[in-house]
N, C-alpha and C. Protein backbone atom coordinates (compact mmCIF):
# COMPACT_ATOMS: atom_id res chain seq x y z
N ALA A 1 -18.54 11.11 -43.24
CA ALA A 1 -17.46 9.95 -41.61
C ALA A 1 -16.53 10.46 -41.79
N GLU A 2 -16.14 10.06 -40.30
CA GLU A 2 -14.93 10.56 -39.84
C GLU A 2 -13.90 9.54 -39.62
N PHE A 3 -12.86 9.79 -40.02
CA PHE A 3 -11.47 8.80 -40.15
C PHE A 3 -10.47 8.88 -39.05
N GLY A 4 -9.70 8.05 -38.15
CA GLY A 4 -8.51 7.76 -37.73
C GLY A 4 -7.54 6.69 -37.65
N LEU A 5 -7.20 6.82 -36.61
CA LEU A 5 -5.97 5.39 -37.44
C LEU A 5 -6.14 4.23 -36.16
N ALA A 6 -7.81 4.09 -35.66
CA ALA A 6 -7.78 3.50 -34.83
C ALA A 6 -9.46 3.42 -34.44
N LYS A 7 -9.91 2.33 -33.95
CA LYS A 7 -11.43 2.57 -34.46
C LYS A 7 -11.90 1.62 -32.80
N ILE A 8 -12.21 2.09 -32.38
CA ILE A 8 -12.71 1.63 -30.96
C ILE A 8 -14.89 1.15 -31.00
N ILE A 9 -14.94 0.00 -31.12
CA ILE A 9 -16.19 -0.10 -30.94
C ILE A 9 -16.73 -0.86 -28.93
N PRO A 10 -17.41 0.36 -28.46
CA PRO A 10 -17.95 0.28 -27.28
C PRO A 10 -18.74 -0.99 -27.06
N PRO A 11 -19.06 -1.83 -25.90
CA PRO A 11 -20.21 -2.60 -25.52
C PRO A 11 -21.85 -2.64 -25.71
N PRO A 12 -22.36 -2.59 -26.22
CA PRO A 12 -23.95 -2.48 -26.50
C PRO A 12 -24.38 -1.79 -25.22
N GLU A 13 -24.09 -1.95 -24.12
CA GLU A 13 -24.86 -0.97 -22.99
C GLU A 13 -23.80 -0.08 -22.58
N TRP A 14 -23.15 0.46 -23.75
CA TRP A 14 -22.38 1.90 -23.41
C TRP A 14 -23.76 3.03 -24.01
N ASN A 15 -23.95 4.14 -23.51
CA ASN A 15 -24.59 5.14 -23.63
C ASN A 15 -24.05 6.41 -24.10
N GLN A 16 -24.00 7.09 -25.24
CA GLN A 16 -23.20 7.92 -25.83
C GLN A 16 -23.59 9.08 -25.19
N ARG A 17 -22.43 9.61 -24.38
CA ARG A 17 -22.80 10.89 -23.60
C ARG A 17 -23.56 12.47 -25.05
N LYS A 18 -24.54 12.90 -23.33
CA LYS A 18 -24.91 13.87 -24.63
C LYS A 18 -24.81 14.99 -25.43
N SER A 19 -25.23 15.83 -25.90
CA SER A 19 -24.44 16.89 -26.66
C SER A 19 -24.14 17.96 -25.75
N GLY A 20 -23.09 18.48 -25.89
CA GLY A 20 -22.90 19.58 -25.03
C GLY A 20 -21.92 18.93 -24.15
N TRP A 21 -21.21 18.13 -24.37
CA TRP A 21 -20.34 17.54 -23.28
C TRP A 21 -19.02 18.52 -23.38
N PHE A 22 -18.68 18.96 -24.79
CA PHE A 22 -17.23 19.01 -24.90
C PHE A 22 -17.03 20.57 -24.44
N GLU A 23 -18.04 21.84 -24.11
CA GLU A 23 -18.18 23.02 -24.00
C GLU A 23 -17.65 22.54 -22.03
N SER A 24 -18.93 21.89 -21.73
CA SER A 24 -18.74 21.76 -19.87
C SER A 24 -18.12 20.86 -19.28
N SER A 25 -17.16 19.94 -20.14
CA SER A 25 -16.18 18.98 -19.66
C SER A 25 -14.43 19.82 -19.41
N ILE A 26 -14.59 20.18 -20.91
CA ILE A 26 -12.84 20.79 -21.15
C ILE A 26 -12.53 22.18 -22.06
N ARG A 27 -13.60 22.97 -21.85
CA ARG A 27 -13.60 24.57 -22.26
C ARG A 27 -12.34 24.99 -21.60
N ARG A 28 -11.95 24.68 -20.12
CA ARG A 28 -11.50 24.99 -19.32
C ARG A 28 -9.84 24.54 -18.61
N LEU A 29 -9.62 23.77 -19.54
CA LEU A 29 -8.36 22.45 -19.39
C LEU A 29 -7.41 23.12 -20.45
N THR A 30 -6.21 23.46 -19.86
CA THR A 30 -5.05 23.70 -20.08
C THR A 30 -3.79 22.57 -20.52
N ILE A 31 -3.29 22.62 -21.82
CA ILE A 31 -2.63 21.79 -22.04
C ILE A 31 -1.20 22.24 -21.78
N PRO A 32 -0.78 21.83 -20.95
CA PRO A 32 0.68 22.60 -20.40
C PRO A 32 2.19 22.80 -20.91
N ALA A 33 2.08 21.01 -22.13
CA ALA A 33 3.18 21.70 -23.14
C ALA A 33 2.98 20.72 -24.22
N PRO A 34 2.26 21.94 -25.24
CA PRO A 34 1.57 20.78 -26.80
C PRO A 34 3.11 20.98 -26.96
N ILE A 35 3.19 19.77 -27.95
CA ILE A 35 4.49 19.22 -28.62
C ILE A 35 4.35 19.45 -29.98
N LYS A 36 4.80 19.70 -31.18
CA LYS A 36 4.84 20.03 -32.31
C LYS A 36 5.96 19.24 -32.99
N GLN A 37 5.46 18.48 -33.77
CA GLN A 37 6.75 17.61 -34.22
C GLN A 37 7.34 17.52 -35.43
N HIS A 38 8.17 17.85 -35.55
CA HIS A 38 8.95 18.44 -36.58
C HIS A 38 9.72 17.20 -37.54
N VAL A 39 9.39 16.85 -38.85
CA VAL A 39 10.19 15.62 -39.19
C VAL A 39 11.29 16.35 -40.30
N THR A 40 12.54 15.47 -40.33
CA THR A 40 13.17 15.99 -41.57
C THR A 40 13.90 14.92 -42.26
N GLY A 41 14.39 14.74 -43.23
CA GLY A 41 14.70 13.74 -43.57
C GLY A 41 14.42 12.94 -45.24
N MET A 42 14.79 11.83 -45.60
CA MET A 42 14.60 11.69 -47.04
C MET A 42 14.85 10.63 -47.20
N LYS A 43 14.64 9.83 -48.31
CA LYS A 43 14.64 8.13 -48.94
C LYS A 43 14.62 7.06 -47.80
N GLY A 44 13.59 7.37 -46.65
CA GLY A 44 13.88 6.31 -45.87
C GLY A 44 14.15 6.61 -44.87
N ILE A 45 15.29 7.56 -44.21
CA ILE A 45 16.41 8.01 -42.97
C ILE A 45 15.47 9.78 -42.71
N PHE A 46 14.75 9.32 -41.52
CA PHE A 46 14.39 10.73 -41.18
C PHE A 46 14.70 10.89 -39.43
N GLN A 47 14.35 12.05 -39.17
CA GLN A 47 14.82 12.39 -37.69
C GLN A 47 13.75 13.20 -37.24
N GLN A 48 13.17 13.00 -35.83
CA GLN A 48 12.26 13.99 -35.51
C GLN A 48 12.42 14.55 -34.09
N THR A 49 11.74 16.21 -34.19
CA THR A 49 12.24 16.48 -33.32
C THR A 49 11.22 17.09 -32.81
N ASN A 50 11.12 17.35 -31.27
CA ASN A 50 9.75 17.38 -30.86
C ASN A 50 9.97 19.49 -30.21
N VAL A 51 9.19 19.74 -30.20
CA VAL A 51 9.41 21.69 -29.72
C VAL A 51 8.78 21.94 -28.92
N LEU A 52 8.29 21.67 -27.80
CA LEU A 52 7.27 22.28 -26.65
C LEU A 52 7.16 23.97 -27.23
N GLU A 53 5.82 23.91 -27.60
CA GLU A 53 4.69 25.10 -27.98
C GLU A 53 4.40 25.89 -25.94
N LYS A 54 3.93 26.89 -26.65
CA LYS A 54 3.58 27.80 -25.17
C LYS A 54 2.10 26.96 -24.61
N PRO A 55 1.23 27.02 -23.41
CA PRO A 55 1.01 26.23 -23.02
C PRO A 55 -0.65 26.63 -23.43
N MET A 56 -1.52 25.67 -24.04
CA MET A 56 -2.85 26.13 -25.05
C MET A 56 -3.84 25.62 -24.51
N ARG A 57 -5.08 26.68 -23.75
CA ARG A 57 -5.74 25.99 -23.63
C ARG A 57 -6.44 24.68 -24.48
N VAL A 58 -7.08 23.63 -24.28
CA VAL A 58 -8.05 22.88 -25.32
C VAL A 58 -9.15 23.56 -26.58
N SER A 59 -9.65 24.07 -25.95
CA SER A 59 -10.59 24.76 -26.45
C SER A 59 -10.25 25.73 -28.09
N LYS A 60 -9.11 26.13 -27.90
CA LYS A 60 -7.54 27.49 -28.77
C LYS A 60 -7.31 25.46 -29.52
N PHE A 61 -6.83 24.77 -29.24
CA PHE A 61 -6.50 23.56 -29.49
C PHE A 61 -7.33 23.41 -30.58
N ARG A 62 -8.88 23.12 -30.48
CA ARG A 62 -9.51 22.53 -30.90
C ARG A 62 -9.78 23.64 -32.25
N GLU A 63 -9.71 24.85 -31.76
CA GLU A 63 -9.78 25.83 -33.21
C GLU A 63 -9.21 25.74 -33.89
N VAL A 64 -7.43 25.19 -33.62
CA VAL A 64 -6.28 24.98 -34.72
C VAL A 64 -6.48 23.84 -35.36
N ALA A 65 -7.13 22.78 -34.56
CA ALA A 65 -7.51 21.41 -35.62
C ALA A 65 -8.55 21.99 -36.88
N GLU A 66 -9.49 22.57 -35.85
CA GLU A 66 -10.72 22.76 -37.47
C GLU A 66 -10.38 23.21 -37.94
N GLN A 67 -9.02 24.72 -38.19
CA GLN A 67 -8.77 25.46 -39.03
C GLN A 67 -7.66 24.78 -40.22
N HIS A 68 -7.18 23.63 -39.68
CA HIS A 68 -6.14 22.97 -40.29
C HIS A 68 -6.83 21.99 -41.23
N LYS A 69 -7.93 21.22 -40.54
CA LYS A 69 -8.98 20.43 -41.24
C LYS A 69 -9.60 20.87 -42.86
N GLN A 70 -10.20 22.64 -42.34
CA GLN A 70 -11.12 23.36 -42.92
C GLN A 70 -10.03 22.97 -44.99
N HIS A 71 -8.73 22.73 -44.60
CA HIS A 71 -7.78 23.07 -45.65
C HIS A 71 -7.16 22.02 -46.43
N ARG A 72 -8.05 20.68 -45.77
CA ARG A 72 -7.56 19.24 -46.17
C ARG A 72 -8.72 18.76 -47.20
N LEU A 73 -8.51 17.91 -48.13
CA LEU A 73 -9.61 17.69 -49.21
C LEU A 73 -10.09 16.25 -48.72
N PRO A 74 -11.53 16.17 -48.70
CA PRO A 74 -11.68 14.63 -47.49
C PRO A 74 -11.26 13.93 -48.01
N ALA A 75 -10.98 12.77 -47.59
CA ALA A 75 -10.38 11.40 -47.56
C ALA A 75 -11.15 10.14 -47.65
N ILE A 76 -11.05 9.47 -48.57
CA ILE A 76 -11.58 7.98 -49.12
C ILE A 76 -11.85 6.89 -47.87
N SER A 77 -10.28 7.07 -47.33
CA SER A 77 -10.68 5.67 -47.07
C SER A 77 -9.30 6.24 -45.23
N ASP A 78 -9.23 4.76 -44.89
CA ASP A 78 -8.56 4.87 -43.86
C ASP A 78 -6.88 5.23 -44.32
N GLU A 79 -6.84 4.29 -45.06
CA GLU A 79 -5.68 4.40 -45.96
C GLU A 79 -5.01 5.81 -46.39
N GLU A 80 -6.56 6.15 -47.43
CA GLU A 80 -5.95 7.52 -47.85
C GLU A 80 -5.26 8.34 -46.72
N ILE A 81 -5.98 8.77 -45.94
CA ILE A 81 -5.71 9.73 -44.21
C ILE A 81 -3.96 8.81 -44.00
N GLU A 82 -3.60 7.83 -44.00
CA GLU A 82 -2.51 7.27 -43.88
C GLU A 82 -1.79 7.63 -44.54
N ARG A 83 -1.70 7.60 -45.50
CA ARG A 83 -0.68 8.35 -47.05
C ARG A 83 -0.64 9.73 -47.28
N ARG A 84 -1.37 10.36 -46.85
CA ARG A 84 -1.21 12.17 -47.09
C ARG A 84 -0.39 12.15 -45.35
N PHE A 85 -0.78 11.81 -44.65
CA PHE A 85 0.20 11.90 -43.82
C PHE A 85 1.51 11.97 -43.50
N TRP A 86 1.62 10.79 -43.88
CA TRP A 86 3.18 10.38 -44.13
C TRP A 86 4.03 11.20 -45.12
N LYS A 87 3.16 11.44 -46.32
CA LYS A 87 3.58 12.01 -47.35
C LYS A 87 3.99 13.50 -47.05
N ASN A 88 3.23 14.26 -46.09
CA ASN A 88 3.13 15.71 -45.56
C ASN A 88 3.53 15.90 -44.45
N ILE A 89 4.18 15.12 -43.20
CA ILE A 89 4.69 14.96 -42.25
C ILE A 89 6.05 16.12 -42.20
N ARG A 90 6.55 16.17 -43.26
CA ARG A 90 7.96 16.82 -43.21
C ARG A 90 7.51 19.01 -43.40
N PHE A 91 6.26 18.69 -43.74
CA PHE A 91 5.94 20.05 -44.62
C PHE A 91 4.90 21.05 -43.23
N GLU A 92 3.59 19.77 -42.91
CA GLU A 92 2.76 20.17 -41.45
C GLU A 92 3.05 19.46 -40.99
N PRO A 93 4.27 19.82 -39.85
CA PRO A 93 4.15 19.22 -38.23
C PRO A 93 2.77 19.17 -37.83
N PRO A 94 2.76 17.68 -37.17
CA PRO A 94 1.87 17.72 -36.61
C PRO A 94 1.65 18.21 -34.70
N LEU A 95 0.92 18.59 -33.71
CA LEU A 95 0.58 19.43 -32.86
C LEU A 95 0.07 18.35 -32.03
N TYR A 96 0.69 17.86 -30.81
CA TYR A 96 0.22 16.85 -29.62
C TYR A 96 -0.21 17.61 -28.30
N GLY A 97 -0.98 17.42 -28.09
CA GLY A 97 -0.97 17.32 -26.60
C GLY A 97 -0.43 16.53 -25.59
N ALA A 98 0.12 15.69 -24.84
CA ALA A 98 0.51 14.26 -24.57
C ALA A 98 0.52 14.43 -23.39
N ASP A 99 0.75 12.95 -22.67
CA ASP A 99 1.27 12.35 -21.17
C ASP A 99 0.40 13.53 -19.87
N MET A 100 -0.84 14.21 -20.42
CA MET A 100 -1.06 14.87 -19.53
C MET A 100 -2.42 14.70 -18.67
N ARG A 101 -1.92 14.39 -17.54
CA ARG A 101 -2.93 13.56 -16.58
C ARG A 101 -4.13 14.28 -16.29
N GLY A 102 -5.13 13.06 -16.49
CA GLY A 102 -6.84 13.93 -15.65
C GLY A 102 -7.30 12.39 -17.01
N SER A 103 -8.66 12.96 -17.10
CA SER A 103 -10.11 11.80 -17.30
C SER A 103 -11.30 12.88 -17.88
N LEU A 104 -11.98 12.30 -19.16
CA LEU A 104 -13.18 13.18 -19.36
C LEU A 104 -14.43 12.16 -19.05
N PHE A 105 -13.88 11.41 -18.27
CA PHE A 105 -14.87 10.70 -18.32
C PHE A 105 -15.64 11.27 -16.81
N PRO A 106 -16.81 10.62 -16.72
CA PRO A 106 -17.65 11.49 -15.41
C PRO A 106 -17.13 10.62 -14.11
N LYS A 107 -17.09 11.18 -13.50
CA LYS A 107 -16.61 10.56 -12.20
C LYS A 107 -17.69 9.26 -11.81
N ASN A 108 -19.13 9.52 -11.58
CA ASN A 108 -19.84 8.60 -11.49
C ASN A 108 -19.93 7.03 -12.41
N LEU A 109 -19.21 7.09 -13.52
CA LEU A 109 -18.95 6.36 -14.54
C LEU A 109 -17.72 4.72 -13.94
N TYR A 110 -18.45 3.83 -13.55
CA TYR A 110 -17.70 2.83 -13.02
C TYR A 110 -17.24 2.22 -14.55
N HIS A 111 -17.89 1.59 -14.88
CA HIS A 111 -17.40 0.48 -16.38
C HIS A 111 -16.89 1.80 -17.43
N TRP A 112 -15.75 1.21 -17.92
CA TRP A 112 -14.98 1.80 -19.56
C TRP A 112 -14.24 3.19 -18.66
N ASN A 113 -14.67 3.42 -17.59
CA ASN A 113 -13.53 4.53 -16.93
C ASN A 113 -12.14 4.72 -16.61
N VAL A 114 -11.60 4.85 -17.66
CA VAL A 114 -10.11 5.18 -16.90
C VAL A 114 -9.42 5.57 -16.48
N SER A 115 -10.00 6.31 -15.43
CA SER A 115 -9.43 7.31 -14.60
C SER A 115 -9.97 5.77 -13.24
N ARG A 116 -11.13 5.09 -13.33
CA ARG A 116 -10.57 4.12 -12.37
C ARG A 116 -10.30 2.76 -12.72
N LEU A 117 -9.35 2.51 -13.34
CA LEU A 117 -8.80 1.46 -13.94
C LEU A 117 -8.31 0.72 -12.57
N THR A 118 -7.68 1.57 -11.60
CA THR A 118 -6.97 0.54 -10.19
C THR A 118 -8.38 0.46 -9.51
N GLU A 119 -9.40 0.82 -9.44
CA GLU A 119 -10.22 0.09 -8.55
C GLU A 119 -10.57 -1.30 -9.65
N GLN A 120 -10.69 -1.87 -10.23
CA GLN A 120 -11.12 -2.55 -11.42
C GLN A 120 -10.25 -3.83 -11.50
N ASN A 121 -9.68 -3.69 -11.67
CA ASN A 121 -8.33 -4.77 -11.64
C ASN A 121 -7.06 -4.89 -10.75
N LEU A 122 -5.84 -5.50 -11.44
CA LEU A 122 -4.98 -6.20 -10.60
C LEU A 122 -3.98 -4.67 -10.66
N LEU A 123 -3.98 -3.74 -11.06
CA LEU A 123 -3.10 -2.53 -11.09
C LEU A 123 -3.18 -1.90 -9.96
N LYS A 124 -4.21 -2.42 -8.90
CA LYS A 124 -4.86 -1.45 -7.66
C LYS A 124 -3.44 -2.48 -6.84
N HIS A 125 -2.90 -3.36 -7.23
CA HIS A 125 -2.01 -4.44 -6.22
C HIS A 125 -0.46 -3.52 -6.33
N LEU A 126 -0.16 -2.74 -7.39
CA LEU A 126 0.70 -2.37 -7.40
C LEU A 126 1.41 -1.45 -6.48
N ALA A 127 2.63 -1.47 -6.08
CA ALA A 127 3.12 -0.68 -4.81
C ALA A 127 3.79 0.78 -5.37
N SER A 128 3.42 1.02 -6.62
CA SER A 128 3.74 2.60 -6.86
C SER A 128 2.90 3.09 -8.25
N ASP A 129 2.63 4.43 -8.29
CA ASP A 129 2.27 4.30 -9.53
C ASP A 129 3.11 4.75 -10.67
N VAL A 130 2.59 4.39 -12.13
CA VAL A 130 3.08 4.19 -13.48
C VAL A 130 2.52 5.04 -13.84
N ASP A 131 2.73 6.45 -14.19
CA ASP A 131 2.38 7.18 -15.13
C ASP A 131 1.56 6.96 -16.56
N GLY A 132 0.24 7.05 -16.68
CA GLY A 132 -0.27 6.70 -17.93
C GLY A 132 -0.70 5.03 -17.70
N VAL A 133 -0.22 4.25 -16.83
CA VAL A 133 -0.99 3.41 -16.28
C VAL A 133 -2.09 3.11 -15.18
N THR A 134 -1.05 3.35 -13.91
CA THR A 134 -2.53 3.63 -12.74
C THR A 134 -3.03 4.80 -12.78
N ASN A 135 -2.89 5.84 -13.15
CA ASN A 135 -3.34 6.61 -13.60
C ASN A 135 -3.62 7.42 -14.78
N SER A 136 -4.85 8.20 -15.16
CA SER A 136 -5.26 8.16 -16.87
C SER A 136 -4.38 9.85 -17.30
N TYR A 137 -4.01 9.58 -18.66
CA TYR A 137 -3.51 10.50 -19.09
C TYR A 137 -4.52 10.53 -20.15
N LEU A 138 -4.63 12.27 -20.96
CA LEU A 138 -4.73 12.26 -22.06
C LEU A 138 -3.85 12.74 -22.69
N TYR A 139 -4.53 12.54 -24.24
CA TYR A 139 -3.69 12.87 -25.61
C TYR A 139 -4.75 13.80 -26.47
N PHE A 140 -4.23 14.80 -27.05
CA PHE A 140 -5.20 15.62 -27.95
C PHE A 140 -3.91 15.38 -28.87
N GLY A 141 -4.67 15.20 -30.19
CA GLY A 141 -3.37 15.59 -31.34
C GLY A 141 -4.67 15.73 -32.49
N MET A 142 -3.36 16.42 -34.01
CA MET A 142 -4.44 16.46 -34.69
C MET A 142 -2.78 16.87 -36.07
N TRP A 143 -3.51 16.74 -36.84
CA TRP A 143 -2.53 16.55 -38.26
C TRP A 143 -3.30 17.70 -39.19
């Protein structure tokens, strides 16, 4: 089973993409400024520092994530994953690719396509763009 901090349940009419979408859709994408999140502290007082890394292709990010995943024992529950994350965050800084404009949804998909949000609701009436709200952002994360 795969675990995460959120579970999204799509509506019944949603169709999962066919296999092979990773290679064709995002192999060439580059994360312009990956962030490594360093945490120091103890006894409830912590400081977090984001360190910018060199640009990284999403395919390389995936390789790094898979390598880290191989060194972890399988988790039994979401709670165990969260406990391990907070216990080890000072020793294994997570790597993120955040605030990157874009979408992995097919352009012809209308419903559930976050890159088309402004076509579907009140956001189209905003006078200006609000990054991550009126345009879609991609987030890549690993731990």
